[in-house]
Amino acid sequence: MSSDVNALEGQVASAMQQQRWDDALDALRQLIEIDPDRLNYTARFAHLLDGLGHTQHAVDIYRRFLDRNPDAATAHFNVAGLYKKLQQDDLALAALDEAIRLRIDRVEEVYLNKGVLYAETHRPEKARACYEKALSLAPDYVSALFNLAGLLEEEGDRQRAVDIYNRILEIQPDYCEALSRLAYAEKMSTDHAELVERLEKAVADTKSDAYAQQTLNFALGKARDDLQQYDEAAAAYTAANKAARMTAVPYDRAQTEQAFDQLIEIYDPEWIASTSTGSDAEPIFICGMYRSGSTLLEHRLAGHPAIVAGGELDVLPWMIGRNFAPYPQGVRAASAERLREMAAYYQSRVQSFFPGEHRVTDKRPTNFMDLGLIKVLFPKAKIIHTTRHIADNCLSVFFQQMGPGFGYATDLGDAAHYYRQQERLKAHWQACFGDDLHTVRYEELIADPEAVLRGVLNYLALDWDDGVLEPEQDGTRVRTASIWQVRQPLHSGSQGRWANYRSLVEAVPELADATR
């Protein structure tokens, strides 16, 4: 028997190395048949299934194991992560609670995971309780401290967040994320010289760490910008993006143009109208280029008593990935019944986050790519598109740590190209929807907020409320990169910002032309 196990384990290792996934799955399946009570085999099998997109099958594998081994705390913890990916939140929480009941080792990690799940499903009070429970068990648990500080930032509790970031740095001085958050939490002045020095030293000490280099240099760029040291800020931002390109998906201009072409071809006005679900729901979508003012607008609208800020909801992209692959072609193959199910699922999911609320804004900028699907699912959807001067918008993207999925953000020329492609798609959506697509220009919102907000509320068929002019008082959570900017009174400091970085802008012909 041991020789069979050794041979099969060798087959798994070889197949995995050569990316022969079916062979690896077959060998793992045989190992489970030989020893169904060995968690290692089940865990590896389920992990591979999940990685190949078969998450539900992975859950089923764990269920079989747990039927035989109900007291396996680690298995309950592992399957919770799979339930979470399937957006089966109650099952995920139940599995985590079972792991706790069974006295899993390092139980503070389970409470951290519960907290993250509560935070992602818009239950901040429960998230806070879980983080605090984790810290009661392990007071120096850096991950729980960092997540708690992030939650406090979202709620506007600046000082407590800063105190926790400093506590993290006492425990782990090289924790670059905590150091960088200190720079974002406050407007830098000459009083913060020590923090700037710490950032510079940390940059010098992490030359071989691409992630730390981008995280720290973005924060250093922000600090230098606050201090109006624009040449030094430009150098830091350029270094940050150079490091970011090492981990980002490369931006392909031709491929991007082709993707936009497909959207325009598939979502033609006649097909959208003929495929409509006929739903009477009127969800509100705020979308556009990242850093174009969408968070600012949502935060303002949340000052209205009838509107709740949903933030960047992940419901629509999750639905697309689960039901319409390959996208967008897969939408054409969906039945009318399936589309109605998806419309109902979206509504039920949002209601689970915000029970009893009827006007919740969905502010994920990438929903702009999917307005055709949105109008199929919800023909009465309210869509607000935010736009901003190309040079300011692209610079703001370039100055932000966007993540590996945003290759265009690491190069100003690529950002300008992506901006123009969004404009091209916007023209298509406008042709499809006409006046049913409302545009808000960032510069106009800053210059005359009342006029712009009156126009938006009129579009939403809502009466005027003075609360939209002073949303700083409403306690709304903010979960985006604009976490502190939007809490400030409206100002024109970010308008025409490109002039401070003329050398960067003039190196990109399309941006330079737009500033003349």
Protein backbone atom coordinates (compact mmCIF):
# COMPACT_ATOMS: atom_id res chain seq x y z
CA MET A 1 0.00 0.00 0.00
CA SER A 2 2.80 2.43 0.91
CA SER A 3 4.42 1.88 -2.49
CA ASP A 4 1.15 2.80 -4.22
CA VAL A 5 0.89 5.96 -2.10
CA ASN A 6 4.49 6.93 -2.85
CA ALA A 7 3.95 6.40 -6.58
CA LEU A 8 0.75 8.44 -6.61
CA GLU A 9 2.33 11.27 -4.61
CA GLY A 10 5.14 11.30 -7.16
CA GLN A 11 2.59 11.49 -9.96
CA VAL A 12 0.90 14.46 -8.27
CA ALA A 13 4.20 16.33 -7.89
CA SER A 14 5.20 15.66 -11.51
CA ALA A 15 1.79 16.58 -12.93
CA MET A 16 1.63 19.79 -10.92
CA GLN A 17 5.10 20.82 -12.04
CA GLN A 18 4.15 20.24 -15.68
CA GLN A 19 0.70 21.82 -15.24
CA ARG A 20 -1.09 18.60 -16.22
CA TRP A 21 -4.03 19.40 -14.01
CA ASP A 22 -6.26 16.45 -14.98
CA ASP A 23 -3.49 13.98 -14.20
CA ALA A 24 -2.87 15.66 -10.84
CA LEU A 25 -6.57 15.50 -10.00
CA ASP A 26 -6.76 11.84 -10.97
CA ALA A 27 -3.80 10.92 -8.77
CA LEU A 28 -5.19 12.91 -5.82
CA ARG A 29 -8.57 11.24 -6.27
CA GLN A 30 -6.88 7.85 -5.96
CA LEU A 31 -4.98 8.97 -2.86
CA ILE A 32 -8.26 10.00 -1.24
CA GLU A 33 -9.74 6.61 -2.04
CA ILE A 34 -6.77 4.95 -0.33
CA ASP A 35 -6.85 7.23 2.73
CA PRO A 36 -10.13 9.20 2.88
CA ASP A 37 -9.39 10.48 6.39
CA ARG A 38 -6.13 12.23 5.53
CA LEU A 39 -6.87 15.97 5.36
CA ASN A 40 -3.77 16.76 3.34
CA TYR A 41 -5.11 14.87 0.31
CA THR A 42 -8.54 16.45 0.52
CA ALA A 43 -7.07 19.91 0.99
CA ARG A 44 -4.76 19.60 -2.03
CA PHE A 45 -7.53 18.18 -4.20
CA ALA A 46 -9.98 20.92 -3.21
CA HIS A 47 -7.36 23.64 -3.64
CA LEU A 48 -6.61 22.51 -7.19
CA LEU A 49 -10.29 22.26 -8.05
CA ASP A 50 -10.89 25.74 -6.74
CA GLY A 51 -7.95 27.10 -8.70
CA LEU A 52 -9.41 25.59 -11.88
CA GLY A 53 -12.72 27.34 -11.25
CA HIS A 54 -14.60 24.38 -9.74
CA THR A 55 -15.24 25.93 -6.34
CA GLN A 56 -18.53 24.15 -5.71
CA HIS A 57 -16.90 20.79 -6.44
CA ALA A 58 -14.16 21.69 -3.96
CA VAL A 59 -16.84 22.37 -1.33
CA ASP A 60 -18.39 18.97 -2.05
CA ILE A 61 -15.02 17.29 -1.49
CA TYR A 62 -14.70 18.94 1.93
CA ARG A 63 -18.26 17.97 2.82
CA ARG A 64 -17.48 14.32 2.17
CA PHE A 65 -14.39 14.57 4.34
CA LEU A 66 -16.35 16.30 7.11
CA ASP A 67 -19.08 13.65 6.99
CA ARG A 68 -16.38 11.20 8.07
CA ASN A 69 -14.40 13.64 10.25
CA PRO A 70 -16.85 16.15 11.76
CA ASP A 71 -14.36 17.23 14.42
CA ALA A 72 -11.65 18.29 11.94
CA ALA A 73 -11.42 21.98 12.85
CA THR A 74 -8.97 22.83 10.07
CA ALA A 75 -11.30 21.39 7.44
CA HIS A 76 -14.13 23.61 8.70
CA PHE A 77 -11.79 26.60 8.50
CA ASN A 78 -10.69 25.72 4.96
CA VAL A 79 -14.20 25.17 3.60
CA ALA A 80 -15.26 28.52 5.02
CA GLY A 81 -12.98 30.22 2.52
CA LEU A 82 -14.66 28.35 -0.32
CA TYR A 83 -18.14 29.28 0.91
CA LYS A 84 -16.99 32.88 0.98
CA LYS A 85 -15.93 32.70 -2.67
CA LEU A 86 -19.39 31.38 -3.52
CA GLN A 87 -20.94 34.31 -1.61
CA GLN A 88 -22.56 31.84 0.78
CA ASP A 89 -21.83 34.04 3.76
CA ASP A 90 -23.98 32.28 6.36
CA LEU A 91 -22.35 28.92 5.60
CA ALA A 92 -18.90 30.50 5.76
CA LEU A 93 -19.63 32.03 9.15
CA ALA A 94 -21.10 28.77 10.44
CA ALA A 95 -17.97 26.90 9.35
CA LEU A 96 -15.73 29.44 11.09
CA ASP A 97 -17.82 29.19 14.26
CA GLU A 98 -17.48 25.41 14.16
CA ALA A 99 -13.71 25.73 13.86
CA ILE A 100 -13.78 27.95 16.95
CA ARG A 101 -16.01 25.51 18.85
CA LEU A 102 -13.59 22.70 18.06
CA ARG A 103 -10.73 24.75 19.54
CA ILE A 104 -8.69 25.15 16.39
CA ASP A 105 -5.07 26.19 16.91
CA ARG A 106 -4.41 29.93 16.55
CA VAL A 107 -8.08 30.72 16.97
CA GLU A 108 -7.32 34.44 16.63
CA GLU A 109 -6.86 33.84 12.89
CA VAL A 110 -10.40 32.53 12.69
CA TYR A 111 -11.76 35.64 14.38
CA LEU A 112 -9.74 37.75 11.92
CA ASN A 113 -11.31 35.90 9.00
CA LYS A 114 -14.77 36.38 10.50
CA GLY A 115 -14.05 40.07 10.83
CA VAL A 116 -12.94 40.38 7.21
CA LEU A 117 -16.08 38.60 6.04
CA TYR A 118 -18.29 40.87 8.14
CA ALA A 119 -16.46 43.94 6.82
CA GLU A 120 -16.85 42.83 3.21
CA THR A 121 -20.56 42.23 3.71
CA HIS A 122 -21.10 45.68 5.23
CA ARG A 123 -21.43 44.70 8.88
CA PRO A 124 -18.73 46.91 10.43
CA GLU A 125 -19.87 46.59 14.04
CA LYS A 126 -19.54 42.81 13.92
CA ALA A 127 -16.23 43.13 12.10
CA ARG A 128 -14.88 45.36 14.86
CA ALA A 129 -16.03 42.89 17.53
CA CYS A 130 -14.18 40.06 15.78
CA TYR A 131 -10.96 42.05 15.40
CA GLU A 132 -11.13 43.04 19.06
CA LYS A 133 -11.75 39.42 20.08
CA ALA A 134 -8.71 38.33 18.07
CA LEU A 135 -6.64 41.00 19.83
CA SER A 136 -7.93 39.94 23.25
CA LEU A 137 -6.42 36.53 22.49
CA ALA A 138 -3.25 37.83 20.83
CA PRO A 139 -2.64 41.54 21.64
CA ASP A 140 0.29 41.83 19.22
CA TYR A 141 -1.51 40.19 16.29
CA VAL A 142 -0.47 42.61 13.56
CA SER A 143 -3.00 41.53 10.93
CA ALA A 144 -5.90 42.12 13.32
CA LEU A 145 -4.47 45.49 14.34
CA PHE A 146 -4.09 46.53 10.72
CA ASN A 147 -7.63 45.51 9.79
CA LEU A 148 -9.04 47.28 12.84
CA ALA A 149 -7.15 50.45 11.93
CA GLY A 150 -8.48 50.25 8.38
CA LEU A 151 -12.02 49.93 9.70
CA LEU A 152 -11.49 52.99 11.90
CA GLU A 153 -10.24 54.95 8.89
CA GLU A 154 -13.35 53.98 6.94
CA GLU A 155 -15.46 55.34 9.78
CA GLY A 156 -13.48 58.59 9.98
CA ASP A 157 -11.75 57.88 13.32
CA ARG A 158 -8.38 59.24 12.23
CA GLN A 159 -6.59 59.48 15.57
CA ARG A 160 -7.35 55.94 16.76
CA ALA A 161 -6.28 54.59 13.37
CA VAL A 162 -3.00 56.51 13.56
CA ASP A 163 -2.40 55.25 17.09
CA ILE A 164 -2.84 51.66 15.95
CA TYR A 165 -0.55 52.08 12.94
CA ASN A 166 2.12 53.40 15.30
CA ARG A 167 1.49 50.43 17.61
CA ILE A 168 2.01 48.07 14.65
CA LEU A 169 5.34 49.72 13.86
CA GLU A 170 6.44 49.23 17.46
CA ILE A 171 5.75 45.52 17.09
CA GLN A 172 7.02 45.16 13.52
CA PRO A 173 9.11 48.16 12.41
CA ASP A 174 9.35 46.96 8.80
CA TYR A 175 5.56 46.72 8.28
CA CYS A 176 5.50 48.95 5.19
CA GLU A 177 1.69 49.11 4.86
CA ALA A 178 1.31 50.63 8.33
CA LEU A 179 4.03 53.20 7.66
CA SER A 180 2.44 54.17 4.36
CA ARG A 181 -1.02 54.55 5.93
CA LEU A 182 0.40 57.17 8.31
CA ALA A 183 1.23 59.33 5.31
CA TYR A 184 -2.29 58.97 3.88
CA ALA A 185 -4.11 59.57 7.15
CA GLU A 186 -3.01 63.18 7.53
CA LYS A 187 -2.13 66.20 5.43
CA MET A 188 1.66 66.34 5.57
CA SER A 189 3.30 69.54 6.80
CA THR A 190 6.70 70.58 8.07
CA ASP A 191 5.63 69.04 11.39
CA HIS A 192 5.84 65.61 9.75
CA ALA A 193 9.52 65.75 8.79
CA GLU A 194 10.27 62.66 10.89
CA LEU A 195 7.64 60.60 9.05
CA VAL A 196 9.04 61.66 5.67
CA GLU A 197 12.52 60.63 6.83
CA ARG A 198 11.17 57.25 7.95
CA LEU A 199 9.58 56.72 4.55
CA GLU A 200 12.81 57.61 2.75
CA LYS A 201 14.83 55.28 4.96
CA ALA A 202 12.32 52.47 4.44
CA VAL A 203 12.54 52.96 0.66
CA ALA A 204 16.34 52.73 0.85
CA ASP A 205 16.15 49.59 3.02
CA THR A 206 13.77 47.65 0.73
CA LYS A 207 15.42 47.95 -2.69
CA SER A 208 14.94 44.25 -3.47
CA ASP A 209 11.24 44.12 -2.47
CA ALA A 210 9.06 45.29 -5.37
CA TYR A 211 5.87 45.40 -3.30
CA ALA A 212 7.46 47.43 -0.50
CA GLN A 213 9.03 49.76 -3.06
CA GLN A 214 5.70 50.62 -4.64
CA THR A 215 3.82 50.86 -1.34
CA LEU A 216 6.39 53.14 0.28
CA ASN A 217 7.12 55.27 -2.79
CA PHE A 218 3.42 55.96 -3.39
CA ALA A 219 3.15 57.12 0.23
CA LEU A 220 6.34 59.18 -0.11
CA GLY A 221 4.97 60.77 -3.29
CA LYS A 222 1.80 61.73 -1.44
CA ALA A 223 3.81 63.25 1.40
CA ARG A 224 6.00 65.24 -0.99
CA ASP A 225 2.93 66.43 -2.88
CA ASP A 226 1.36 67.65 0.37
CA LEU A 227 4.57 69.58 1.03
CA GLN A 228 4.40 71.06 -2.49
CA GLN A 229 7.75 69.45 -3.30
CA TYR A 230 6.54 68.45 -6.73
CA ASP A 231 9.81 67.37 -8.35
CA GLU A 232 10.54 65.05 -5.43
CA ALA A 233 6.95 63.79 -5.52
CA ALA A 234 7.21 63.07 -9.26
CA ALA A 235 10.40 61.08 -8.66
CA ALA A 236 8.75 59.03 -5.92
CA TYR A 237 5.63 58.33 -7.98
CA THR A 238 7.76 57.34 -10.98
CA ALA A 239 9.76 54.92 -8.82
CA ALA A 240 6.53 53.52 -7.34
CA ASN A 241 5.10 52.78 -10.77
CA LYS A 242 8.36 51.27 -11.98
CA ALA A 243 8.11 48.81 -9.09
CA ALA A 244 4.38 48.28 -9.74
CA ARG A 245 5.05 47.27 -13.35
CA MET A 246 7.07 44.33 -12.06
CA THR A 247 3.90 42.73 -10.63
CA ALA A 248 1.14 44.25 -12.79
CA VAL A 249 -0.52 42.56 -15.75
CA PRO A 250 1.13 44.23 -18.80
CA TYR A 251 -1.15 46.68 -20.57
CA ASP A 252 -1.82 45.79 -24.21
CA ARG A 253 -3.32 48.70 -26.14
CA ALA A 254 -4.45 46.60 -29.11
CA GLN A 255 -6.04 44.02 -26.81
CA THR A 256 -7.84 46.77 -24.90
CA GLU A 257 -9.23 48.26 -28.10
CA GLN A 258 -10.42 44.82 -29.16
CA ALA A 259 -12.17 44.32 -25.79
CA PHE A 260 -13.99 47.63 -26.16
CA ASP A 261 -14.90 46.72 -29.75
CA GLN A 262 -16.52 43.52 -28.49
CA LEU A 263 -18.60 45.40 -25.94
CA ILE A 264 -19.80 47.84 -28.57
CA GLU A 265 -20.63 45.04 -30.99
CA ILE A 266 -22.47 42.80 -28.53
CA TYR A 267 -24.42 45.50 -26.71
CA ASP A 268 -26.24 47.14 -29.57
CA PRO A 269 -29.40 49.13 -28.72
CA GLU A 270 -31.81 46.74 -30.42
CA TRP A 271 -30.48 43.68 -28.61
CA ILE A 272 -30.51 45.45 -25.24
CA ALA A 273 -34.15 46.47 -25.73
CA SER A 274 -35.27 43.06 -26.99
CA THR A 275 -33.51 41.15 -24.19
CA SER A 276 -34.63 43.35 -21.29
CA THR A 277 -35.95 41.52 -18.24
CA GLY A 278 -38.65 44.16 -17.80
CA SER A 279 -37.69 44.62 -14.14
CA ASP A 280 -39.18 47.69 -12.43
CA ALA A 281 -36.21 47.99 -10.07
CA GLU A 282 -34.23 51.24 -10.21
CA PRO A 283 -30.77 50.53 -8.75
CA ILE A 284 -28.31 53.42 -8.84
CA PHE A 285 -24.91 52.91 -10.48
CA ILE A 286 -22.12 55.50 -10.28
CA CYS A 287 -19.25 54.65 -12.58
CA GLY A 288 -16.51 56.03 -14.80
CA MET A 289 -12.73 56.17 -14.89
CA TYR A 290 -11.04 55.48 -11.57
CA ARG A 291 -10.16 58.71 -9.74
CA SER A 292 -12.76 60.71 -11.69
CA GLY A 293 -14.79 61.86 -8.68
CA SER A 294 -17.16 58.92 -8.24
CA THR A 295 -16.41 58.53 -4.52
CA LEU A 296 -16.83 62.25 -3.95
CA LEU A 297 -20.20 62.20 -5.70
CA GLU A 298 -21.41 59.12 -3.81
CA HIS A 299 -20.35 60.64 -0.50
CA ARG A 300 -22.30 63.79 -1.30
CA LEU A 301 -25.40 61.89 -2.34
CA ALA A 302 -25.25 59.84 0.86
CA GLY A 303 -26.10 63.05 2.70
CA HIS A 304 -29.63 62.65 1.29
CA PRO A 305 -31.94 60.74 3.67
CA ALA A 306 -33.24 58.51 0.86
CA ILE A 307 -29.81 57.36 -0.39
CA VAL A 308 -27.36 54.88 1.14
CA ALA A 309 -23.74 54.68 -0.07
CA GLY A 310 -23.04 51.10 -1.03
CA GLY A 311 -19.47 51.74 -2.14
CA GLU A 312 -17.69 49.48 -4.59
CA LEU A 313 -20.01 46.48 -4.47
CA ASP A 314 -18.62 43.26 -5.91
CA VAL A 315 -22.00 41.79 -6.81
CA LEU A 316 -22.09 42.50 -10.55
CA PRO A 317 -18.52 41.34 -11.37
CA TRP A 318 -19.09 38.18 -9.31
CA MET A 319 -22.30 37.47 -11.23
CA ILE A 320 -20.54 38.00 -14.55
CA GLY A 321 -17.67 35.69 -13.65
CA ARG A 322 -19.99 32.95 -12.43
CA ASN A 323 -22.67 33.10 -15.10
CA PHE A 324 -21.51 34.73 -18.33
CA ALA A 325 -18.04 33.38 -19.11
CA PRO A 326 -16.57 34.06 -21.56
CA TYR A 327 -17.63 37.66 -21.17
CA PRO A 328 -19.14 39.54 -22.94
CA GLN A 329 -19.93 36.84 -25.51
CA GLY A 330 -21.54 34.64 -22.85
CA VAL A 331 -24.30 37.17 -22.25
CA ARG A 332 -25.80 36.45 -25.67
CA ALA A 333 -26.16 32.78 -24.74
CA ALA A 334 -28.03 33.46 -21.49
CA SER A 335 -31.71 32.58 -21.42
CA ALA A 336 -34.39 35.09 -20.45
CA GLU A 337 -35.00 33.06 -17.29
CA ARG A 338 -31.33 33.16 -16.38
CA LEU A 339 -31.20 36.93 -16.83
CA ARG A 340 -34.24 37.36 -14.59
CA GLU A 341 -32.57 35.17 -11.98
CA MET A 342 -29.47 37.35 -12.11
CA ALA A 343 -31.52 40.53 -11.69
CA ALA A 344 -33.24 39.01 -8.67
CA TYR A 345 -29.93 37.82 -7.24
CA TYR A 346 -28.40 41.29 -7.51
CA GLN A 347 -31.33 42.82 -5.67
CA SER A 348 -31.35 40.17 -2.94
CA ARG A 349 -27.60 40.45 -2.42
CA VAL A 350 -27.71 44.22 -2.04
CA GLN A 351 -30.69 43.90 0.31
CA SER A 352 -28.70 41.47 2.45
CA PHE A 353 -26.07 44.18 2.86
CA PHE A 354 -28.54 47.03 3.44
CA PRO A 355 -31.86 45.59 4.67
CA GLY A 356 -34.88 47.72 3.94
CA GLU A 357 -33.00 50.31 1.88
CA HIS A 358 -34.38 51.02 -1.59
CA ARG A 359 -31.82 53.45 -3.02
CA VAL A 360 -28.32 52.04 -2.57
CA THR A 361 -25.55 53.36 -4.77
CA ASP A 362 -23.23 50.85 -6.44
CA LYS A 363 -20.05 52.83 -7.07
CA ARG A 364 -17.72 50.29 -8.63
CA PRO A 365 -16.03 52.22 -11.48
CA THR A 366 -15.59 49.13 -13.67
CA ASN A 367 -19.36 48.75 -13.89
CA PHE A 368 -18.93 51.29 -16.69
CA MET A 369 -17.83 48.37 -18.88
CA ASP A 370 -21.07 46.54 -18.17
CA LEU A 371 -23.75 49.17 -18.65
CA GLY A 372 -25.26 47.14 -21.47
CA LEU A 373 -25.80 44.19 -19.14
CA ILE A 374 -27.06 46.51 -16.41
CA LYS A 375 -29.69 47.90 -18.77
CA VAL A 376 -30.71 44.39 -19.79
CA LEU A 377 -31.14 43.36 -16.17
CA PHE A 378 -32.60 46.67 -15.00
CA PRO A 379 -34.04 48.76 -17.83
CA LYS A 380 -34.98 51.48 -15.31
CA ALA A 381 -31.53 51.59 -13.68
CA LYS A 382 -30.17 55.03 -12.87
CA ILE A 383 -26.67 55.43 -14.24
CA ILE A 384 -24.41 58.34 -13.35
CA HIS A 385 -21.10 58.66 -15.18
CA THR A 386 -18.31 60.75 -13.64
CA THR A 387 -15.67 62.37 -15.79
CA ARG A 388 -12.63 64.54 -15.18
CA HIS A 389 -10.02 66.42 -17.22
CA ILE A 390 -7.81 63.81 -18.86
CA ALA A 391 -4.51 65.12 -17.49
CA ASP A 392 -5.73 65.40 -13.90
CA ASN A 393 -7.51 62.05 -14.11
CA CYS A 394 -4.53 60.16 -15.54
CA LEU A 395 -2.12 61.75 -13.07
CA SER A 396 -4.39 60.77 -10.19
CA VAL A 397 -4.43 57.18 -11.44
CA PHE A 398 -0.64 57.26 -11.85
CA PHE A 399 -0.32 58.52 -8.27
CA GLN A 400 -2.40 55.68 -6.81
CA GLN A 401 -1.40 52.13 -5.93
CA MET A 402 -4.09 50.44 -8.00
CA GLY A 403 -2.96 46.82 -7.85
CA PRO A 404 -1.71 44.21 -10.35
CA GLY A 405 -4.90 44.17 -12.41
CA PHE A 406 -4.46 47.78 -13.53
CA GLY A 407 -1.47 47.72 -15.83
CA TYR A 408 -2.53 50.92 -17.57
CA ALA A 409 -2.20 52.86 -14.30
CA THR A 410 1.58 52.40 -14.15
CA ASP A 411 2.28 54.44 -17.30
CA LEU A 412 0.81 57.85 -18.11
CA GLY A 413 0.67 57.09 -21.83
CA ASP A 414 -1.23 53.88 -21.19
CA ALA A 415 -3.55 55.68 -18.77
CA ALA A 416 -4.31 58.27 -21.46
CA HIS A 417 -4.99 55.49 -23.97
CA TYR A 418 -7.37 53.77 -21.55
CA TYR A 419 -9.10 57.09 -20.83
CA ARG A 420 -9.77 57.59 -24.57
CA GLN A 421 -11.11 54.05 -24.90
CA GLN A 422 -13.55 54.75 -22.07
CA GLU A 423 -14.62 57.91 -23.89
CA ARG A 424 -15.27 55.83 -26.99
CA LEU A 425 -17.40 53.38 -25.01
CA LYS A 426 -19.17 56.27 -23.29
CA ALA A 427 -20.22 57.59 -26.72
CA HIS A 428 -21.69 54.15 -27.49
CA TRP A 429 -23.61 53.97 -24.22
CA GLN A 430 -24.91 57.49 -24.78
CA ALA A 431 -26.16 56.44 -28.22
CA CYS A 432 -27.86 53.43 -26.61
CA PHE A 433 -29.42 55.18 -23.61
CA GLY A 434 -29.62 58.87 -24.53
CA ASP A 435 -30.66 61.03 -21.58
CA ASP A 436 -30.90 57.92 -19.40
CA LEU A 437 -27.16 58.24 -18.79
CA HIS A 438 -26.40 61.23 -16.58
CA THR A 439 -22.90 62.73 -16.66
CA VAL A 440 -21.26 64.59 -13.77
CA ARG A 441 -18.06 66.50 -14.47
CA TYR A 442 -15.70 66.68 -11.53
CA GLU A 443 -14.71 70.27 -12.24
CA GLU A 444 -18.35 71.39 -12.29
CA LEU A 445 -19.10 69.53 -9.05
CA ILE A 446 -16.25 71.38 -7.36
CA ALA A 447 -17.17 74.77 -8.82
CA ASP A 448 -20.93 74.68 -8.21
CA PRO A 449 -21.89 71.68 -6.08
CA GLU A 450 -25.48 72.72 -5.48
CA ALA A 451 -26.29 73.09 -9.18
CA VAL A 452 -24.70 69.75 -10.05
CA LEU A 453 -26.30 67.90 -7.14
CA ARG A 454 -29.70 69.38 -7.93
CA GLY A 455 -29.31 67.99 -11.44
CA VAL A 456 -28.41 64.54 -10.10
CA LEU A 457 -31.32 64.46 -7.63
CA ASN A 458 -33.68 65.59 -10.36
CA TYR A 459 -32.42 62.72 -12.51
CA LEU A 460 -33.05 60.36 -9.58
CA ALA A 461 -36.55 61.86 -9.11
CA LEU A 462 -35.71 62.91 -5.54
CA ASP A 463 -36.50 66.16 -3.78
CA TRP A 464 -33.69 68.48 -2.79
CA ASP A 465 -32.14 68.04 0.66
CA ASP A 466 -29.48 70.33 2.13
CA GLY A 467 -27.76 67.28 3.62
CA VAL A 468 -25.94 66.65 0.33
CA LEU A 469 -24.00 69.88 0.86
CA GLU A 470 -22.59 68.83 4.23
CA PRO A 471 -22.17 65.04 4.15
CA GLU A 472 -19.14 65.24 6.45
CA GLN A 473 -21.66 65.07 9.28
CA ASP A 474 -23.45 61.90 8.18
CA GLY A 475 -21.01 59.25 9.44
CA THR A 476 -20.92 57.41 6.12
CA ARG A 477 -18.15 54.83 5.82
CA VAL A 478 -15.71 55.25 2.93
CA ARG A 479 -13.87 52.20 1.59
CA THR A 480 -11.83 53.56 -1.33
CA ALA A 481 -8.52 55.31 -1.93
CA SER A 482 -10.33 58.65 -1.46
CA ILE A 483 -11.03 57.75 2.16
CA TRP A 484 -9.85 61.08 3.62
CA GLN A 485 -10.18 63.43 0.65
CA VAL A 486 -13.96 63.06 0.41
CA ARG A 487 -14.40 63.93 4.09
CA GLN A 488 -12.96 67.40 3.49
CA PRO A 489 -15.01 70.42 2.40
CA LEU A 490 -15.08 70.81 -1.38
CA HIS A 491 -11.99 72.57 -2.71
CA SER A 492 -10.28 73.05 -6.05
CA GLY A 493 -6.88 71.74 -4.92
CA SER A 494 -7.03 68.72 -7.24
CA GLN A 495 -8.31 70.73 -10.21
CA GLY A 496 -5.57 71.66 -12.64
CA ARG A 497 -3.15 69.60 -10.57
CA TRP A 498 -1.33 68.61 -13.74
CA ALA A 499 0.34 72.04 -13.80
CA ASN A 500 2.44 70.98 -10.81
CA TYR A 501 3.73 68.03 -12.83
CA ARG A 502 4.20 69.67 -16.19
CA SER A 503 7.32 67.65 -17.04
CA LEU A 504 5.44 64.36 -16.59
CA VAL A 505 2.42 65.58 -18.56
CA GLU A 506 4.35 67.09 -21.46
CA ALA A 507 6.19 63.80 -21.98
CA VAL A 508 2.86 62.26 -23.08
CA PRO A 509 1.66 63.90 -26.32
CA GLU A 510 -2.03 63.16 -25.74
CA LEU A 511 -1.92 64.72 -22.29
CA ALA A 512 0.20 67.64 -23.41
CA ASP A 513 -2.27 68.43 -26.19
CA ALA A 514 -5.14 68.46 -23.70
CA THR A 515 -3.44 71.10 -21.53
CA ARG A 516 -2.75 73.63 -24.27
